[in-house]
Amino acid sequence: MNQFNSSERVKLSKVSIGSSPFLDLVGTIMALDTELGPEYVSVKWDGNTTGFYAQVPKECLIKVS
């Protein structure tokens, strides 16, 4: 399983809905623990000004170099 650090830059590695513009999303990890469990992290996508963060499975994220 991927190991991430808080404030690390990530993007989606795969999306279950096939080819999608969401694959271009890049964001920052805001929290390593979520109410959904340890396999999820909270991600603030670039351009998101709502104050709500996405709960994303770690297996769907890759680090941005």
Foldseek 3Di string as FASTA:
>chain_A
DDDDDFQFKKFFPDDPVPDDPRRPWIWGFHACADPVGNQWTWTDTPPDPPPGTDTGGPVGMDGDD
